[in-house]
Amino acid sequence: MTRTLILIRHAKSGWDDPNLHDHARPLHPSGIRTAAAIGRWLRTGGWTCDQAISSDAARTRATWEGIESEWRTGIVCAFTPTLYHADPQAMMTVLTGCALPTVVMVGHNPGIGEFARRLAAGPSGGDRFRTYPTGATTIFRFDADRWTDIGRSGGTVLDFVVPRAPEDVKKVPGRGADRPQ
């Protein structure tokens, strides 16, 4: 059996109100467009999910809402404070608590970027993968029956995208045979 993880860093957030607590920061208008573009990219790529989990921060909630508005999975996302600025170990703990085979996780840097690098079986995406900028989305496949079996550095990167504008996601090629049909 295989497990698929779609790991997404929240889209670009807004900094207009310097008095706003970090947890409450909304998405920037370009982040709203990017979140929708990620959703379209996932839908047109034929990707599906069984479960969605996210930090409970305003910007990760809005990222999921923008993605879901275009992806249309019908999945209700579980928002958890555990993923707010979580480190890779906390992210792994949340992931290993999942039961379904395809999971979407939305989180924050630096934890999510480090988590992606730890999970990848080999180098992927160059500098953009290393820095894991806002909107970065990686699709991993693991040969495992349970999330507790995935281990470290064992995920095959099936796809990776960093949308800077909605039109960017149309230009990123898939990885051929590994993409769902």
N, C-alpha and C. Protein backbone atom coordinates (compact mmCIF):
# COMPACT_ATOMS: atom_id res chain seq x y z
N MET A 1 0.85 -1.19 0.00
CA MET A 1 0.00 0.00 0.00
C MET A 1 0.89 1.24 0.00
N THR A 2 0.34 2.34 -0.49
CA THR A 2 1.10 3.59 -0.48
C THR A 2 0.36 4.66 0.31
N ARG A 3 1.12 5.65 0.71
CA ARG A 3 0.61 6.84 1.39
C ARG A 3 1.05 8.04 0.57
N THR A 4 0.17 9.02 0.46
CA THR A 4 0.48 10.25 -0.27
C THR A 4 0.29 11.44 0.67
N LEU A 5 1.30 12.29 0.71
CA LEU A 5 1.25 13.52 1.51
C LEU A 5 1.39 14.71 0.58
N ILE A 6 0.46 15.63 0.69
CA ILE A 6 0.53 16.90 -0.03
C ILE A 6 0.84 17.96 1.03
N LEU A 7 2.06 18.45 0.97
CA LEU A 7 2.58 19.36 1.99
C LEU A 7 2.60 20.78 1.43
N ILE A 8 1.86 21.70 2.06
CA ILE A 8 1.67 23.05 1.53
C ILE A 8 2.05 24.10 2.57
N ARG A 9 2.94 25.00 2.18
CA ARG A 9 3.19 26.18 3.02
C ARG A 9 2.12 27.21 2.69
N HIS A 10 1.61 27.88 3.70
CA HIS A 10 0.57 28.88 3.47
C HIS A 10 0.99 29.88 2.39
N ALA A 11 0.00 30.47 1.74
CA ALA A 11 0.25 31.49 0.72
C ALA A 11 0.72 32.79 1.39
N LYS A 12 1.12 33.74 0.57
CA LYS A 12 1.68 35.01 1.08
C LYS A 12 0.69 35.71 2.00
N SER A 13 1.20 36.08 3.16
CA SER A 13 0.35 36.74 4.15
C SER A 13 0.51 38.25 4.10
N GLY A 14 -0.47 38.94 4.67
CA GLY A 14 -0.46 40.39 4.69
C GLY A 14 0.21 40.93 5.95
N TRP A 15 0.86 42.06 5.80
CA TRP A 15 1.55 42.72 6.91
C TRP A 15 1.06 44.16 7.09
N ASP A 16 -0.15 44.44 6.59
CA ASP A 16 -0.66 45.82 6.62
C ASP A 16 -0.87 46.37 8.03
N ASP A 17 -1.21 45.52 8.97
CA ASP A 17 -1.49 45.98 10.33
C ASP A 17 -0.37 45.51 11.26
N PRO A 18 0.59 46.39 11.60
CA PRO A 18 1.72 45.98 12.44
C PRO A 18 1.30 45.62 13.87
N ASN A 19 0.09 46.00 14.28
CA ASN A 19 -0.38 45.69 15.63
C ASN A 19 -1.09 44.33 15.72
N LEU A 20 -1.31 43.71 14.57
CA LEU A 20 -2.00 42.43 14.53
C LEU A 20 -1.08 41.32 15.00
N HIS A 21 -1.57 40.46 15.88
CA HIS A 21 -0.80 39.31 16.35
C HIS A 21 -0.51 38.39 15.17
N ASP A 22 0.66 37.78 15.16
CA ASP A 22 1.09 36.92 14.06
C ASP A 22 0.04 35.85 13.73
N HIS A 23 -0.56 35.26 14.72
CA HIS A 23 -1.53 34.19 14.52
C HIS A 23 -2.74 34.69 13.73
N ALA A 24 -3.05 35.96 13.81
CA ALA A 24 -4.24 36.53 13.17
C ALA A 24 -3.97 37.15 11.80
N ARG A 25 -2.71 37.12 11.34
CA ARG A 25 -2.41 37.76 10.05
C ARG A 25 -3.17 37.09 8.91
N PRO A 26 -3.83 37.90 8.08
CA PRO A 26 -4.60 37.36 6.95
C PRO A 26 -3.68 37.12 5.74
N LEU A 27 -4.26 36.60 4.68
CA LEU A 27 -3.51 36.50 3.44
C LEU A 27 -3.48 37.84 2.73
N HIS A 28 -2.40 38.09 2.05
CA HIS A 28 -2.26 39.24 1.14
C HIS A 28 -3.17 38.94 -0.06
N PRO A 29 -3.67 39.95 -0.76
CA PRO A 29 -4.50 39.66 -1.95
C PRO A 29 -3.81 38.71 -2.95
N SER A 30 -2.50 38.84 -3.11
CA SER A 30 -1.82 37.91 -4.01
C SER A 30 -1.81 36.49 -3.43
N GLY A 31 -1.79 36.37 -2.11
CA GLY A 31 -1.87 35.07 -1.47
C GLY A 31 -3.22 34.40 -1.68
N ILE A 32 -4.27 35.20 -1.68
CA ILE A 32 -5.61 34.67 -1.95
C ILE A 32 -5.66 34.09 -3.36
N ARG A 33 -5.09 34.81 -4.32
CA ARG A 33 -5.06 34.32 -5.70
C ARG A 33 -4.20 33.06 -5.83
N THR A 34 -3.07 33.06 -5.11
CA THR A 34 -2.17 31.90 -5.16
C THR A 34 -2.83 30.66 -4.58
N ALA A 35 -3.53 30.80 -3.47
CA ALA A 35 -4.20 29.65 -2.85
C ALA A 35 -5.20 29.04 -3.83
N ALA A 36 -5.97 29.88 -4.50
CA ALA A 36 -6.92 29.37 -5.50
C ALA A 36 -6.18 28.68 -6.64
N ALA A 37 -5.05 29.25 -7.05
CA ALA A 37 -4.26 28.66 -8.14
C ALA A 37 -3.73 27.28 -7.75
N ILE A 38 -3.31 27.12 -6.50
CA ILE A 38 -2.85 25.81 -6.04
C ILE A 38 -4.01 24.81 -6.12
N GLY A 39 -5.19 25.23 -5.71
CA GLY A 39 -6.36 24.36 -5.80
C GLY A 39 -6.65 23.94 -7.23
N ARG A 40 -6.57 24.88 -8.16
CA ARG A 40 -6.79 24.54 -9.58
C ARG A 40 -5.71 23.58 -10.07
N TRP A 41 -4.46 23.83 -9.66
CA TRP A 41 -3.35 22.97 -10.06
C TRP A 41 -3.56 21.54 -9.56
N LEU A 42 -3.98 21.40 -8.31
CA LEU A 42 -4.25 20.08 -7.75
C LEU A 42 -5.41 19.39 -8.48
N ARG A 43 -6.47 20.14 -8.75
CA ARG A 43 -7.64 19.57 -9.43
C ARG A 43 -7.29 19.15 -10.85
N THR A 44 -6.66 20.04 -11.61
CA THR A 44 -6.35 19.70 -13.00
C THR A 44 -5.27 18.62 -13.10
N GLY A 45 -4.45 18.49 -12.08
CA GLY A 45 -3.45 17.43 -12.04
C GLY A 45 -4.02 16.08 -11.65
N GLY A 46 -5.28 16.05 -11.25
CA GLY A 46 -5.92 14.80 -10.88
C GLY A 46 -5.61 14.33 -9.47
N TRP A 47 -5.04 15.22 -8.65
CA TRP A 47 -4.71 14.82 -7.27
C TRP A 47 -5.97 14.82 -6.42
N THR A 48 -6.02 13.92 -5.47
CA THR A 48 -7.15 13.82 -4.55
C THR A 48 -6.61 13.76 -3.12
N CYS A 49 -7.50 13.89 -2.16
CA CYS A 49 -7.08 13.73 -0.77
C CYS A 49 -8.22 13.11 0.03
N ASP A 50 -7.84 12.48 1.12
CA ASP A 50 -8.81 11.86 2.01
C ASP A 50 -8.98 12.64 3.31
N GLN A 51 -7.94 13.40 3.67
CA GLN A 51 -7.93 14.08 4.96
C GLN A 51 -7.08 15.34 4.82
N ALA A 52 -7.50 16.42 5.48
CA ALA A 52 -6.76 17.67 5.46
C ALA A 52 -6.57 18.15 6.89
N ILE A 53 -5.33 18.55 7.20
CA ILE A 53 -5.00 19.09 8.52
C ILE A 53 -4.18 20.35 8.32
N SER A 54 -4.36 21.30 9.21
CA SER A 54 -3.71 22.59 9.03
C SER A 54 -3.49 23.27 10.38
N SER A 55 -2.52 24.15 10.40
CA SER A 55 -2.38 25.08 11.51
C SER A 55 -3.69 25.85 11.63
N ASP A 56 -3.98 26.33 12.81
CA ASP A 56 -5.21 27.10 13.00
C ASP A 56 -5.02 28.60 12.82
N ALA A 57 -3.87 29.04 12.34
CA ALA A 57 -3.63 30.47 12.11
C ALA A 57 -4.53 30.97 10.98
N ALA A 58 -4.83 32.25 10.99
CA ALA A 58 -5.72 32.84 9.99
C ALA A 58 -5.20 32.61 8.57
N ARG A 59 -3.91 32.76 8.35
CA ARG A 59 -3.36 32.63 7.00
C ARG A 59 -3.37 31.19 6.48
N THR A 60 -3.23 30.20 7.36
CA THR A 60 -3.31 28.81 6.90
C THR A 60 -4.77 28.42 6.66
N ARG A 61 -5.66 28.93 7.49
CA ARG A 61 -7.10 28.68 7.26
C ARG A 61 -7.51 29.25 5.91
N ALA A 62 -7.10 30.49 5.64
CA ALA A 62 -7.47 31.14 4.38
C ALA A 62 -6.81 30.45 3.19
N THR A 63 -5.60 29.93 3.39
CA THR A 63 -4.94 29.18 2.32
C THR A 63 -5.76 27.94 1.99
N TRP A 64 -6.15 27.18 3.02
CA TRP A 64 -6.96 25.98 2.76
C TRP A 64 -8.28 26.36 2.08
N GLU A 65 -8.94 27.41 2.56
CA GLU A 65 -10.22 27.82 1.97
C GLU A 65 -10.06 28.17 0.50
N GLY A 66 -8.97 28.88 0.16
CA GLY A 66 -8.72 29.22 -1.24
C GLY A 66 -8.42 27.99 -2.09
N ILE A 67 -7.65 27.08 -1.54
CA ILE A 67 -7.35 25.83 -2.25
C ILE A 67 -8.64 25.04 -2.48
N GLU A 68 -9.38 24.84 -1.42
CA GLU A 68 -10.61 24.03 -1.49
C GLU A 68 -11.65 24.64 -2.42
N SER A 69 -11.69 25.98 -2.49
CA SER A 69 -12.68 26.63 -3.37
C SER A 69 -12.48 26.22 -4.83
N GLU A 70 -11.25 25.89 -5.21
CA GLU A 70 -10.95 25.49 -6.59
C GLU A 70 -10.76 23.97 -6.74
N TRP A 71 -10.24 23.34 -5.72
CA TRP A 71 -9.97 21.89 -5.79
C TRP A 71 -11.26 21.10 -5.65
N ARG A 72 -12.16 21.58 -4.79
CA ARG A 72 -13.49 21.01 -4.58
C ARG A 72 -13.46 19.55 -4.15
N THR A 73 -12.69 19.25 -3.13
CA THR A 73 -12.60 17.88 -2.63
C THR A 73 -13.78 17.52 -1.74
N GLY A 74 -14.39 18.52 -1.12
CA GLY A 74 -15.45 18.26 -0.15
C GLY A 74 -14.91 17.86 1.21
N ILE A 75 -13.59 17.88 1.36
CA ILE A 75 -12.95 17.50 2.62
C ILE A 75 -13.04 18.66 3.60
N VAL A 76 -13.43 18.37 4.82
CA VAL A 76 -13.43 19.37 5.89
C VAL A 76 -12.07 19.31 6.56
N CYS A 77 -11.38 20.42 6.58
CA CYS A 77 -10.03 20.48 7.15
C CYS A 77 -10.10 20.54 8.68
N ALA A 78 -9.21 19.81 9.33
CA ALA A 78 -9.08 19.88 10.79
C ALA A 78 -8.00 20.92 11.09
N PHE A 79 -8.36 22.00 11.75
CA PHE A 79 -7.42 23.06 12.10
C PHE A 79 -6.93 22.83 13.52
N THR A 80 -5.62 22.78 13.70
CA THR A 80 -5.05 22.46 15.00
C THR A 80 -3.96 23.45 15.40
N PRO A 81 -3.97 23.89 16.66
CA PRO A 81 -2.90 24.78 17.12
C PRO A 81 -1.54 24.07 17.16
N THR A 82 -1.53 22.75 17.16
CA THR A 82 -0.27 22.01 17.20
C THR A 82 0.60 22.32 15.98
N LEU A 83 -0.01 22.64 14.83
CA LEU A 83 0.76 22.91 13.61
C LEU A 83 1.17 24.38 13.46
N TYR A 84 0.73 25.24 14.38
CA TYR A 84 1.13 26.65 14.30
C TYR A 84 2.62 26.76 14.62
N HIS A 85 3.40 27.14 13.63
CA HIS A 85 4.86 27.23 13.75
C HIS A 85 5.49 25.95 14.30
N ALA A 86 4.95 24.82 13.89
CA ALA A 86 5.43 23.52 14.37
C ALA A 86 6.79 23.18 13.79
N ASP A 87 7.57 22.46 14.58
CA ASP A 87 8.84 21.94 14.07
C ASP A 87 8.56 20.60 13.38
N PRO A 88 9.55 20.05 12.66
CA PRO A 88 9.32 18.80 11.94
C PRO A 88 8.84 17.65 12.82
N GLN A 89 9.33 17.55 14.02
CA GLN A 89 8.90 16.45 14.90
C GLN A 89 7.42 16.57 15.25
N ALA A 90 6.96 17.78 15.54
CA ALA A 90 5.53 17.97 15.83
C ALA A 90 4.69 17.66 14.60
N MET A 91 5.18 18.04 13.43
CA MET A 91 4.45 17.75 12.19
C MET A 91 4.36 16.23 11.97
N MET A 92 5.45 15.54 12.23
CA MET A 92 5.45 14.08 12.08
C MET A 92 4.48 13.44 13.07
N THR A 93 4.43 13.96 14.27
CA THR A 93 3.51 13.43 15.27
C THR A 93 2.06 13.59 14.81
N VAL A 94 1.74 14.76 14.28
CA VAL A 94 0.38 14.98 13.77
C VAL A 94 0.11 14.04 12.60
N LEU A 95 1.06 13.92 11.68
CA LEU A 95 0.87 13.07 10.51
C LEU A 95 0.69 11.60 10.89
N THR A 96 1.48 11.13 11.84
CA THR A 96 1.37 9.71 12.21
C THR A 96 0.06 9.41 12.95
N GLY A 97 -0.62 10.45 13.37
CA GLY A 97 -1.94 10.27 13.96
C GLY A 97 -3.05 10.16 12.93
N CYS A 98 -2.71 10.33 11.66
CA CYS A 98 -3.71 10.24 10.58
C CYS A 98 -3.94 8.78 10.20
N ALA A 99 -5.14 8.47 9.80
CA ALA A 99 -5.48 7.09 9.45
C ALA A 99 -5.67 6.89 7.95
N LEU A 100 -6.02 7.94 7.24
CA LEU A 100 -6.37 7.79 5.82
C LEU A 100 -5.12 7.88 4.94
N PRO A 101 -5.17 7.29 3.73
CA PRO A 101 -3.95 7.16 2.92
C PRO A 101 -3.45 8.42 2.21
N THR A 102 -4.30 9.42 1.99
CA THR A 102 -3.85 10.63 1.32
C THR A 102 -4.19 11.83 2.19
N VAL A 103 -3.14 12.54 2.63
CA VAL A 103 -3.30 13.63 3.59
C VAL A 103 -2.72 14.92 3.01
N VAL A 104 -3.43 16.02 3.22
CA VAL A 104 -2.93 17.36 2.93
C VAL A 104 -2.59 17.99 4.28
N MET A 105 -1.40 18.61 4.35
CA MET A 105 -0.99 19.33 5.56
C MET A 105 -0.58 20.74 5.16
N VAL A 106 -1.16 21.74 5.83
CA VAL A 106 -0.83 23.14 5.56
C VAL A 106 -0.16 23.72 6.80
N GLY A 107 1.02 24.32 6.60
CA GLY A 107 1.75 24.83 7.75
C GLY A 107 2.63 26.02 7.42
N HIS A 108 3.62 26.23 8.27
CA HIS A 108 4.47 27.42 8.26
C HIS A 108 5.95 27.05 8.17
N ASN A 109 6.72 27.99 7.65
CA ASN A 109 8.17 27.87 7.72
C ASN A 109 8.63 28.44 9.05
N PRO A 110 9.75 28.01 9.56
CA PRO A 110 10.73 27.14 8.92
C PRO A 110 10.41 25.66 9.04
N GLY A 111 9.47 25.29 9.88
CA GLY A 111 9.20 23.88 10.14
C GLY A 111 8.78 23.08 8.93
N ILE A 112 7.88 23.64 8.09
CA ILE A 112 7.37 22.86 6.97
C ILE A 112 8.44 22.61 5.92
N GLY A 113 9.32 23.59 5.71
CA GLY A 113 10.41 23.39 4.75
C GLY A 113 11.38 22.33 5.23
N GLU A 114 11.72 22.36 6.50
CA GLU A 114 12.61 21.35 7.06
C GLU A 114 11.94 19.97 7.02
N PHE A 115 10.66 19.93 7.30
CA PHE A 115 9.92 18.67 7.24
C PHE A 115 9.97 18.09 5.83
N ALA A 116 9.75 18.93 4.83
CA ALA A 116 9.81 18.48 3.43
C ALA A 116 11.19 17.92 3.09
N ARG A 117 12.23 18.63 3.49
CA ARG A 117 13.60 18.16 3.19
C ARG A 117 13.89 16.84 3.89
N ARG A 118 13.41 16.68 5.10
CA ARG A 118 13.63 15.42 5.83
C ARG A 118 12.88 14.25 5.20
N LEU A 119 11.72 14.53 4.64
CA LEU A 119 10.90 13.46 4.06
C LEU A 119 11.37 13.03 2.68
N ALA A 120 12.01 13.92 1.94
CA ALA A 120 12.40 13.63 0.56
C ALA A 120 13.50 12.57 0.49
N ALA A 121 13.28 11.57 -0.36
CA ALA A 121 14.26 10.50 -0.54
C ALA A 121 15.51 11.01 -1.26
N GLY A 122 15.39 12.11 -1.98
CA GLY A 122 16.53 12.68 -2.70
C GLY A 122 16.30 14.15 -2.91
N PRO A 123 17.28 14.86 -3.44
CA PRO A 123 17.12 16.29 -3.67
C PRO A 123 16.03 16.58 -4.70
N SER A 124 15.27 17.64 -4.46
CA SER A 124 14.17 18.00 -5.35
C SER A 124 14.01 19.51 -5.41
N GLY A 125 13.74 20.01 -6.59
CA GLY A 125 13.35 21.40 -6.74
C GLY A 125 14.43 22.44 -6.52
N GLY A 126 15.66 22.07 -6.25
CA GLY A 126 16.74 23.02 -6.10
C GLY A 126 16.53 24.00 -4.97
N ASP A 127 16.95 25.26 -5.20
CA ASP A 127 16.87 26.29 -4.18
C ASP A 127 15.44 26.55 -3.70
N ARG A 128 14.49 26.46 -4.60
CA ARG A 128 13.11 26.72 -4.22
C ARG A 128 12.61 25.67 -3.23
N PHE A 129 13.02 24.44 -3.41
CA PHE A 129 12.64 23.40 -2.46
C PHE A 129 13.35 23.62 -1.13
N ARG A 130 14.59 24.02 -1.20
CA ARG A 130 15.39 24.24 0.01
C ARG A 130 14.82 25.37 0.86
N THR A 131 14.39 26.46 0.23
CA THR A 131 13.85 27.60 0.99
C THR A 131 12.35 27.48 1.28
N TYR A 132 11.66 26.66 0.55
CA TYR A 132 10.23 26.39 0.71
C TYR A 132 9.43 27.70 0.89
N PRO A 133 9.40 28.52 -0.16
CA PRO A 133 8.71 29.82 -0.05
C PRO A 133 7.20 29.68 0.08
N THR A 134 6.53 30.79 0.35
CA THR A 134 5.08 30.77 0.50
C THR A 134 4.43 30.12 -0.72
N GLY A 135 3.44 29.31 -0.46
CA GLY A 135 2.73 28.61 -1.52
C GLY A 135 3.40 27.33 -1.99
N ALA A 136 4.61 27.05 -1.54
CA ALA A 136 5.31 25.84 -1.98
C ALA A 136 4.44 24.62 -1.66
N THR A 137 4.32 23.74 -2.64
CA THR A 137 3.50 22.55 -2.50
C THR A 137 4.28 21.35 -3.03
N THR A 138 4.44 20.34 -2.19
CA THR A 138 5.13 19.11 -2.58
C THR A 138 4.18 17.94 -2.41
N ILE A 139 4.21 17.04 -3.38
CA ILE A 139 3.43 15.81 -3.29
C ILE A 139 4.42 14.66 -3.14
N PHE A 140 4.31 13.97 -2.02
CA PHE A 140 5.18 12.84 -1.69
C PHE A 140 4.39 11.53 -1.78
N ARG A 141 5.07 10.49 -2.18
CA ARG A 141 4.50 9.14 -2.10
C ARG A 141 5.43 8.29 -1.26
N PHE A 142 4.84 7.51 -0.36
CA PHE A 142 5.58 6.61 0.52
C PHE A 142 5.07 5.19 0.32
N ASP A 143 5.97 4.24 0.27
CA ASP A 143 5.59 2.83 0.25
C ASP A 143 5.46 2.39 1.70
N ALA A 144 4.24 2.51 2.22
CA ALA A 144 4.00 2.20 3.63
C ALA A 144 2.52 1.89 3.83
N ASP A 145 2.24 1.03 4.76
CA ASP A 145 0.85 0.69 5.08
C ASP A 145 0.22 1.68 6.05
N ARG A 146 1.06 2.29 6.89
CA ARG A 146 0.58 3.24 7.90
C ARG A 146 1.52 4.45 7.90
N TRP A 147 1.02 5.58 8.36
CA TRP A 147 1.86 6.77 8.46
C TRP A 147 3.02 6.56 9.44
N THR A 148 2.81 5.73 10.42
CA THR A 148 3.89 5.47 11.39
C THR A 148 5.05 4.72 10.75
N ASP A 149 4.86 4.18 9.55
CA ASP A 149 5.90 3.41 8.86
C ASP A 149 6.71 4.24 7.87
N ILE A 150 6.41 5.52 7.69
CA ILE A 150 7.07 6.25 6.60
C ILE A 150 8.52 6.59 6.88
N GLY A 151 8.89 6.74 8.14
CA GLY A 151 10.28 7.02 8.46
C GLY A 151 10.77 8.34 7.91
N ARG A 152 12.06 8.53 8.00
CA ARG A 152 12.70 9.76 7.57
C ARG A 152 13.40 9.51 6.23
N SER A 153 13.35 10.49 5.34
CA SER A 153 14.01 10.44 4.04
C SER A 153 13.56 9.26 3.20
N GLY A 154 12.28 9.00 3.18
CA GLY A 154 11.80 7.87 2.41
C GLY A 154 10.73 8.21 1.40
N GLY A 155 10.40 9.49 1.23
CA GLY A 155 9.32 9.87 0.34
C GLY A 155 9.81 10.22 -1.05
N THR A 156 9.13 9.68 -2.04
CA THR A 156 9.41 10.03 -3.43
C THR A 156 8.64 11.30 -3.75
N VAL A 157 9.33 12.32 -4.25
CA VAL A 157 8.67 13.56 -4.62
C VAL A 157 8.05 13.35 -6.00
N LEU A 158 6.72 13.37 -6.04
CA LEU A 158 6.00 13.20 -7.30
C LEU A 158 5.83 14.51 -8.03
N ASP A 159 5.68 15.58 -7.29
CA ASP A 159 5.50 16.90 -7.90
C ASP A 159 5.85 17.97 -6.88
N PHE A 160 6.25 19.12 -7.39
CA PHE A 160 6.62 20.26 -6.56
C PHE A 160 6.34 21.52 -7.36
N VAL A 161 5.70 22.50 -6.71
CA VAL A 161 5.40 23.76 -7.37
C VAL A 161 5.53 24.89 -6.37
N VAL A 162 5.97 26.04 -6.87
CA VAL A 162 5.99 27.27 -6.08
C VAL A 162 5.32 28.34 -6.93
N PRO A 163 4.04 28.53 -6.75
CA PRO A 163 3.35 29.54 -7.54
C PRO A 163 3.64 30.95 -7.04
N ARG A 164 4.08 31.79 -7.90
CA ARG A 164 4.28 33.21 -7.56
C ARG A 164 3.10 34.03 -8.06
N ALA A 165 2.44 33.51 -9.05
CA ALA A 165 1.25 34.13 -9.59
C ALA A 165 0.37 32.99 -10.10
N PRO A 166 -0.93 33.18 -10.20
CA PRO A 166 -1.80 32.09 -10.62
C PRO A 166 -1.36 31.43 -11.93
N GLU A 167 -0.82 32.20 -12.85
CA GLU A 167 -0.41 31.61 -14.13
C GLU A 167 0.82 30.71 -13.99
N ASP A 168 1.59 30.85 -12.91
CA ASP A 168 2.78 30.02 -12.72
C ASP A 168 2.44 28.54 -12.60
N VAL A 169 1.35 28.21 -11.97
CA VAL A 169 1.06 26.81 -11.73
C VAL A 169 0.72 26.08 -13.02
N LYS A 170 0.31 26.79 -14.06
CA LYS A 170 0.03 26.14 -15.33
C LYS A 170 1.32 25.74 -16.05
N LYS A 171 2.44 26.38 -15.71
CA LYS A 171 3.70 26.18 -16.42
C LYS A 171 4.55 25.07 -15.83
N VAL A 172 4.21 24.58 -14.67
CA VAL A 172 5.05 23.59 -14.00
C VAL A 172 4.66 22.19 -14.48
N PRO A 173 5.59 21.48 -15.12
CA PRO A 173 5.25 20.14 -15.62
C PRO A 173 5.16 19.14 -14.48
N GLY A 174 4.36 18.12 -14.69
CA GLY A 174 4.27 17.00 -13.76
C GLY A 174 5.46 16.09 -13.95
N ARG A 175 5.45 15.01 -13.25
CA ARG A 175 6.56 14.06 -13.34
C ARG A 175 6.15 12.82 -14.09
N GLY A 176 5.33 13.01 -15.11
CA GLY A 176 5.01 11.92 -16.02
C GLY A 176 4.22 10.79 -15.41
N ALA A 177 4.81 9.59 -15.45
CA ALA A 177 4.10 8.37 -15.08
C ALA A 177 3.66 8.35 -13.62
N ASP A 178 4.28 9.13 -12.77
CA ASP A 178 3.91 9.12 -11.36
C ASP A 178 2.64 9.93 -11.08
N ARG A 179 2.22 10.74 -12.02
CA ARG A 179 1.00 11.53 -11.82
C ARG A 179 -0.22 10.63 -11.94
N PRO A 180 -1.25 10.89 -11.16
CA PRO A 180 -2.46 10.09 -11.28
C PRO A 180 -3.09 10.31 -12.64
N GLN A 181 -3.78 9.32 -13.14
CA GLN A 181 -4.43 9.43 -14.44
C GLN A 181 -5.86 9.92 -14.31
